[in-house]
Amino acid sequence: MERLSRLIKNFVVARGNAKSQYCLELLKKEFKKNMLEWAKREIELACKRERGDRPEDEFDYGCACYASALKAYKSLLGDGHSGMSIGYTKHILNRLIDGKVLTPIEDTPDIWNDCARYEYEIGYSTQQCKRMSSLFKYIYDDGTVKYKDIDRFVCVDKDDPSNSWRNGFIGSLIDDKYPITMPYMPPSRQYTVWCTEGLSDPKNGDFDTIGVWYVDRPDGERDTIERFFKEDENGPSFVEITREEYEERMKKDGERSGRCAYKEEKNNVTD
């Protein structure tokens, strides 16, 4: 860093004469060298912590990811980016890593692949986008066309934010409330759907009750939903119920799992 400071001083002194360009090039080279050495040290520290006491010649998945990141960082340094351009490049790279297109998708025949039609697909056929594999097109027999991006939302437990999952039924609710139109440019952030799930009757599997409370949109705004559903006894889907019925079903879930007793016990604790 002392050498870098001298170079900066020389550049300032030489500015306006023949030495300025030479000093600027030296400054850039020294900056790249220092940043690369810094990155190498950080990677070494991270790998040391990741590997722990295991031998260095033993393959470690985390260390391999760190090494790959260092390789990409070195490549970006070699391209001579400024602070602005490397940020823009990072945005492009993040979209590619996430499988998101860089320009809007137009609904033209050449971007779709026909999907096999399953027995349960009655009244419509499905196509998958060649440019973004998470995007599907549903063509109904009456001519209606709908689109679904299966990666544009995530469900998060309202009472335990560390727990997240995907749910096709909730995805359909999101598609109805926020329909995809063409041209389609997927946002960098997902729709975050804050939900609760419960099991009122053990014979129904993992869960049979859903609460959808609110949605955080990609633009950072929040929409209140507060809709509640139970498993449809006549088919593999869910039907809407009142909040009162939802709470009654969740009470059964709590009694079965012991969660209500735990909450009551917490509420009775005094300092």
Protein backbone atom coordinates (compact mmCIF):
# COMPACT_ATOMS: atom_id res chain seq x y z
CA MET A 1 0.00 0.00 0.00
CA GLU A 2 3.00 2.34 0.62
CA ARG A 3 4.11 1.79 -2.95
CA LEU A 4 0.59 2.47 -4.15
CA SER A 5 0.58 5.79 -2.27
CA ARG A 6 3.85 6.81 -3.92
CA LEU A 7 2.42 6.01 -7.32
CA ILE A 8 -0.64 8.15 -6.63
CA LYS A 9 1.62 11.03 -5.54
CA ASN A 10 3.76 10.67 -8.65
CA PHE A 11 0.63 10.68 -10.81
CA VAL A 12 -0.59 13.90 -9.22
CA VAL A 13 2.80 15.59 -9.62
CA ALA A 14 3.21 14.38 -13.19
CA ARG A 15 -0.34 15.20 -14.23
CA GLY A 16 -0.35 17.26 -17.38
CA ASN A 17 3.01 16.04 -18.65
CA ALA A 18 4.30 12.96 -20.49
CA LYS A 19 4.64 10.92 -17.27
CA SER A 20 0.96 11.04 -16.38
CA GLN A 21 -0.15 8.19 -18.61
CA TYR A 22 2.76 6.03 -17.52
CA CYS A 23 2.02 6.62 -13.83
CA LEU A 24 -1.66 5.92 -14.38
CA GLU A 25 -0.86 2.54 -15.94
CA LEU A 26 1.44 1.68 -13.04
CA LEU A 27 -1.32 2.73 -10.64
CA LYS A 28 -3.83 0.43 -12.32
CA LYS A 29 -1.43 -2.52 -12.26
CA GLU A 30 -0.59 -1.99 -8.60
CA PHE A 31 -4.27 -1.70 -7.73
CA LYS A 32 -5.09 -4.98 -9.50
CA LYS A 33 -2.16 -6.71 -7.81
CA ASN A 34 -3.17 -5.52 -4.34
CA MET A 35 -6.82 -6.44 -4.85
CA LEU A 36 -5.90 -9.90 -6.13
CA GLU A 37 -3.57 -10.52 -3.17
CA TRP A 38 -6.31 -9.37 -0.81
CA ALA A 39 -8.81 -11.75 -2.45
CA LYS A 40 -6.35 -14.65 -2.26
CA ARG A 41 -5.82 -14.09 1.46
CA GLU A 42 -9.58 -13.97 2.06
CA ILE A 43 -10.08 -17.18 0.10
CA GLU A 44 -7.28 -18.89 2.05
CA LEU A 45 -8.83 -17.88 5.37
CA ALA A 46 -12.28 -19.02 4.26
CA CYS A 47 -10.96 -22.37 2.99
CA LYS A 48 -9.03 -22.93 6.19
CA ARG A 49 -12.19 -22.45 8.20
CA GLU A 50 -14.23 -24.56 5.77
CA ARG A 51 -11.75 -27.46 5.75
CA GLY A 52 -11.08 -27.54 9.48
CA ASP A 53 -8.73 -30.35 10.50
CA ARG A 54 -9.11 -32.38 7.31
CA PRO A 55 -6.07 -32.90 5.04
CA GLU A 56 -5.52 -30.31 2.32
CA ASP A 57 -5.33 -32.99 -0.40
CA GLU A 58 -8.85 -34.16 0.49
CA PHE A 59 -11.53 -32.75 -1.81
CA ASP A 60 -13.75 -30.17 -0.16
CA TYR A 61 -16.86 -28.90 -1.95
CA GLY A 62 -16.88 -25.53 -0.20
CA CYS A 63 -13.20 -24.88 -0.97
CA ALA A 64 -13.78 -25.79 -4.60
CA CYS A 65 -16.52 -23.12 -4.73
CA TYR A 66 -14.17 -20.57 -3.17
CA ALA A 67 -11.50 -21.42 -5.76
CA SER A 68 -14.02 -20.99 -8.57
CA ALA A 69 -15.06 -17.60 -7.18
CA LEU A 70 -11.40 -16.51 -7.05
CA LYS A 71 -10.94 -17.53 -10.67
CA ALA A 72 -13.94 -15.42 -11.71
CA TYR A 73 -12.74 -12.48 -9.60
CA LYS A 74 -9.29 -12.67 -11.19
CA SER A 75 -10.86 -12.66 -14.64
CA LEU A 76 -12.91 -9.55 -13.81
CA LEU A 77 -9.83 -7.75 -12.50
CA GLY A 78 -8.04 -8.58 -15.73
CA ASP A 79 -10.77 -6.85 -17.73
CA GLY A 80 -9.86 -3.49 -16.21
CA HIS A 81 -13.27 -2.64 -14.77
CA SER A 82 -14.08 0.62 -13.03
CA GLY A 83 -16.26 0.71 -9.92
CA MET A 84 -19.32 1.36 -12.06
CA SER A 85 -18.66 -1.19 -14.79
CA ILE A 86 -17.84 -4.02 -12.40
CA GLY A 87 -21.14 -3.39 -10.60
CA TYR A 88 -23.01 -3.57 -13.90
CA THR A 89 -21.10 -6.72 -14.85
CA LYS A 90 -21.98 -8.24 -11.47
CA HIS A 91 -25.68 -7.57 -12.16
CA ILE A 92 -25.42 -9.32 -15.55
CA LEU A 93 -23.51 -12.26 -14.08
CA ASN A 94 -26.00 -12.68 -11.22
CA ARG A 95 -28.90 -12.85 -13.67
CA LEU A 96 -27.11 -15.48 -15.75
CA ILE A 97 -26.30 -17.54 -12.64
CA ASP A 98 -29.97 -17.33 -11.59
CA GLY A 99 -31.09 -18.46 -15.05
CA LYS A 100 -32.77 -15.12 -15.81
CA VAL A 101 -32.81 -13.62 -19.29
CA LEU A 102 -31.01 -10.37 -20.06
CA THR A 103 -33.61 -8.99 -22.47
CA PRO A 104 -37.41 -9.28 -22.40
CA ILE A 105 -38.99 -12.50 -23.66
CA GLU A 106 -41.34 -12.10 -26.62
CA ASP A 107 -44.04 -14.68 -27.31
CA THR A 108 -42.85 -15.91 -30.70
CA PRO A 109 -43.20 -19.51 -31.94
CA ASP A 110 -39.45 -20.13 -32.10
CA ILE A 111 -38.86 -19.80 -28.32
CA TRP A 112 -41.18 -22.63 -27.19
CA ASN A 113 -40.83 -26.39 -26.94
CA ASP A 114 -43.94 -28.58 -26.77
CA CYS A 115 -44.27 -30.56 -23.53
CA ALA A 116 -45.75 -34.03 -23.26
CA ARG A 117 -49.46 -33.90 -22.45
CA TYR A 118 -50.33 -35.90 -19.34
CA GLU A 119 -53.66 -37.49 -18.53
CA TYR A 120 -54.53 -34.88 -15.93
CA GLU A 121 -53.92 -32.03 -18.40
CA ILE A 122 -57.49 -31.77 -19.62
CA GLY A 123 -58.46 -28.81 -21.78
CA TYR A 124 -54.99 -27.37 -22.27
CA SER A 125 -51.48 -28.10 -23.56
CA THR A 126 -48.13 -26.87 -22.22
CA GLN A 127 -45.00 -25.41 -23.75
CA GLN A 128 -41.65 -24.65 -22.12
CA CYS A 129 -39.55 -21.60 -22.93
CA LYS A 130 -36.19 -22.24 -24.61
CA ARG A 131 -34.70 -19.02 -23.26
CA MET A 132 -35.71 -19.59 -19.63
CA SER A 133 -36.56 -23.12 -18.54
CA SER A 134 -38.67 -21.98 -15.55
CA LEU A 135 -41.21 -20.27 -17.84
CA PHE A 136 -44.18 -22.24 -19.18
CA LYS A 137 -47.01 -21.38 -21.54
CA TYR A 138 -50.47 -22.89 -21.06
CA ILE A 139 -52.63 -22.95 -24.17
CA TYR A 140 -56.29 -23.72 -23.43
CA ASP A 141 -58.66 -25.31 -25.88
CA ASP A 142 -60.82 -22.14 -25.92
CA GLY A 143 -57.83 -20.08 -27.08
CA THR A 144 -56.90 -18.62 -23.69
CA VAL A 145 -53.15 -18.34 -23.04
CA LYS A 146 -51.52 -18.09 -19.59
CA TYR A 147 -47.91 -18.07 -18.44
CA LYS A 148 -46.24 -19.45 -15.32
CA ASP A 149 -42.72 -18.81 -14.06
CA ILE A 150 -42.16 -21.45 -11.39
CA ASP A 151 -39.09 -19.64 -10.01
CA ARG A 152 -40.64 -16.23 -9.45
CA PHE A 153 -42.02 -16.93 -5.95
CA VAL A 154 -41.04 -18.61 -2.71
CA CYS A 155 -43.20 -19.51 0.30
CA VAL A 156 -41.88 -18.54 3.74
CA ASP A 157 -43.28 -19.63 7.10
CA LYS A 158 -44.78 -16.55 8.76
CA ASP A 159 -43.81 -17.87 12.20
CA ASP A 160 -40.40 -19.28 11.18
CA PRO A 161 -38.73 -17.25 8.38
CA SER A 162 -35.87 -19.78 8.16
CA ASN A 163 -38.34 -22.28 6.71
CA SER A 164 -39.07 -21.84 2.98
CA TRP A 165 -40.56 -24.05 0.27
CA ARG A 166 -42.49 -24.17 -3.00
CA ASN A 167 -46.20 -24.92 -3.33
CA GLY A 168 -47.93 -25.27 -6.69
CA PHE A 169 -51.33 -24.22 -5.37
CA ILE A 170 -49.93 -21.03 -3.85
CA GLY A 171 -48.06 -20.44 -7.09
CA SER A 172 -51.40 -20.48 -8.91
CA LEU A 173 -52.73 -17.84 -6.48
CA ILE A 174 -49.73 -15.63 -7.28
CA ASP A 175 -50.27 -16.11 -11.02
CA ASP A 176 -53.91 -15.06 -10.67
CA LYS A 177 -53.09 -11.97 -8.62
CA TYR A 178 -49.97 -10.97 -10.58
CA PRO A 179 -50.45 -12.42 -14.08
CA ILE A 180 -47.47 -12.61 -16.42
CA THR A 181 -47.83 -10.63 -19.63
CA MET A 182 -45.63 -10.44 -22.69
CA PRO A 183 -43.03 -9.18 -23.23
CA TYR A 184 -41.80 -10.67 -19.95
CA MET A 185 -38.70 -9.49 -18.10
CA PRO A 186 -38.40 -11.48 -14.85
CA PRO A 187 -37.45 -9.30 -11.87
CA SER A 188 -34.22 -9.97 -10.01
CA ARG A 189 -36.13 -10.53 -6.75
CA GLN A 190 -38.83 -13.11 -6.12
CA TYR A 191 -42.34 -12.70 -4.79
CA THR A 192 -42.10 -13.77 -1.12
CA VAL A 193 -45.37 -15.32 0.06
CA TRP A 194 -45.73 -15.47 3.84
CA CYS A 195 -47.75 -18.57 4.72
CA THR A 196 -48.68 -21.02 7.42
CA GLU A 197 -49.45 -24.72 7.04
CA GLY A 198 -51.19 -27.10 9.42
CA LEU A 199 -52.49 -30.64 9.67
CA SER A 200 -55.91 -30.94 11.28
CA ASP A 201 -56.26 -34.67 10.54
CA PRO A 202 -53.22 -37.02 10.46
CA LYS A 203 -54.81 -39.12 7.71
CA ASN A 204 -54.30 -36.21 5.30
CA GLY A 205 -50.50 -36.52 5.15
CA ASP A 206 -48.12 -33.62 5.82
CA PHE A 207 -50.64 -30.75 5.80
CA ASP A 208 -54.26 -30.08 4.93
CA THR A 209 -54.65 -26.40 5.87
CA ILE A 210 -53.01 -23.31 4.38
CA GLY A 211 -52.99 -19.67 5.40
CA VAL A 212 -51.69 -17.07 2.93
CA TRP A 213 -51.12 -13.86 4.87
CA TYR A 214 -49.26 -11.37 2.70
CA VAL A 215 -46.88 -11.06 -0.25
CA ASP A 216 -43.67 -9.05 -0.52
CA ARG A 217 -43.45 -7.98 -4.16
CA PRO A 218 -40.16 -7.67 -6.09
CA ASP A 219 -40.47 -3.87 -5.89
CA GLY A 220 -40.34 -4.04 -2.08
CA GLU A 221 -44.02 -3.28 -1.49
CA ARG A 222 -46.22 -5.59 0.61
CA ASP A 223 -49.75 -6.71 -0.26
CA THR A 224 -52.08 -8.13 2.38
CA ILE A 225 -53.76 -11.38 1.28
CA GLU A 226 -55.26 -13.12 4.36
CA ARG A 227 -56.89 -16.00 2.49
CA PHE A 228 -57.29 -19.49 3.94
CA PHE A 229 -57.72 -22.92 2.41
CA LYS A 230 -58.30 -26.55 3.27
CA GLU A 231 -57.64 -29.70 1.31
CA ASP A 232 -60.46 -30.51 -1.09
CA GLU A 233 -62.06 -33.82 -0.15
CA ASN A 234 -63.17 -34.32 -3.76
CA GLY A 235 -59.87 -33.75 -5.52
CA PRO A 236 -56.12 -33.04 -5.29
CA SER A 237 -56.42 -29.32 -4.59
CA PHE A 238 -57.59 -26.83 -1.97
CA VAL A 239 -60.83 -24.91 -1.41
CA GLU A 240 -61.16 -21.55 0.29
CA ILE A 241 -62.50 -21.38 3.85
CA THR A 242 -63.24 -18.68 6.40
CA ARG A 243 -60.65 -17.45 8.85
CA GLU A 244 -62.72 -18.95 11.68
CA GLU A 245 -62.58 -22.42 10.12
CA TYR A 246 -58.87 -21.99 9.45
CA GLU A 247 -58.21 -21.11 13.11
CA GLU A 248 -60.25 -24.10 14.28
CA ARG A 249 -58.26 -26.43 12.04
CA MET A 250 -54.96 -24.92 13.18
CA LYS A 251 -56.06 -25.38 16.79
CA LYS A 252 -56.44 -29.09 16.09
CA ASP A 253 -52.98 -29.10 14.54
CA GLY A 254 -51.55 -27.42 17.64
CA GLU A 255 -53.29 -29.84 20.00
CA ARG A 256 -52.01 -32.79 18.01
CA SER A 257 -48.42 -31.54 17.82
CA GLY A 258 -48.25 -29.96 21.28
CA ARG A 259 -47.59 -26.45 19.97
CA CYS A 260 -50.60 -24.94 21.77
CA ALA A 261 -49.48 -26.43 25.06
CA TYR A 262 -46.02 -25.00 24.46
CA LYS A 263 -47.37 -21.50 23.75
CA GLU A 264 -49.63 -21.64 26.79
CA GLU A 265 -46.68 -22.73 28.90
CA LYS A 266 -44.59 -19.79 27.58
CA ASN A 267 -47.39 -17.35 28.31
CA ASN A 268 -47.56 -18.54 31.92
CA VAL A 269 -43.87 -17.93 32.57
CA THR A 270 -43.24 -14.93 34.83
CA ASP A 271 -40.06 -13.05 35.52
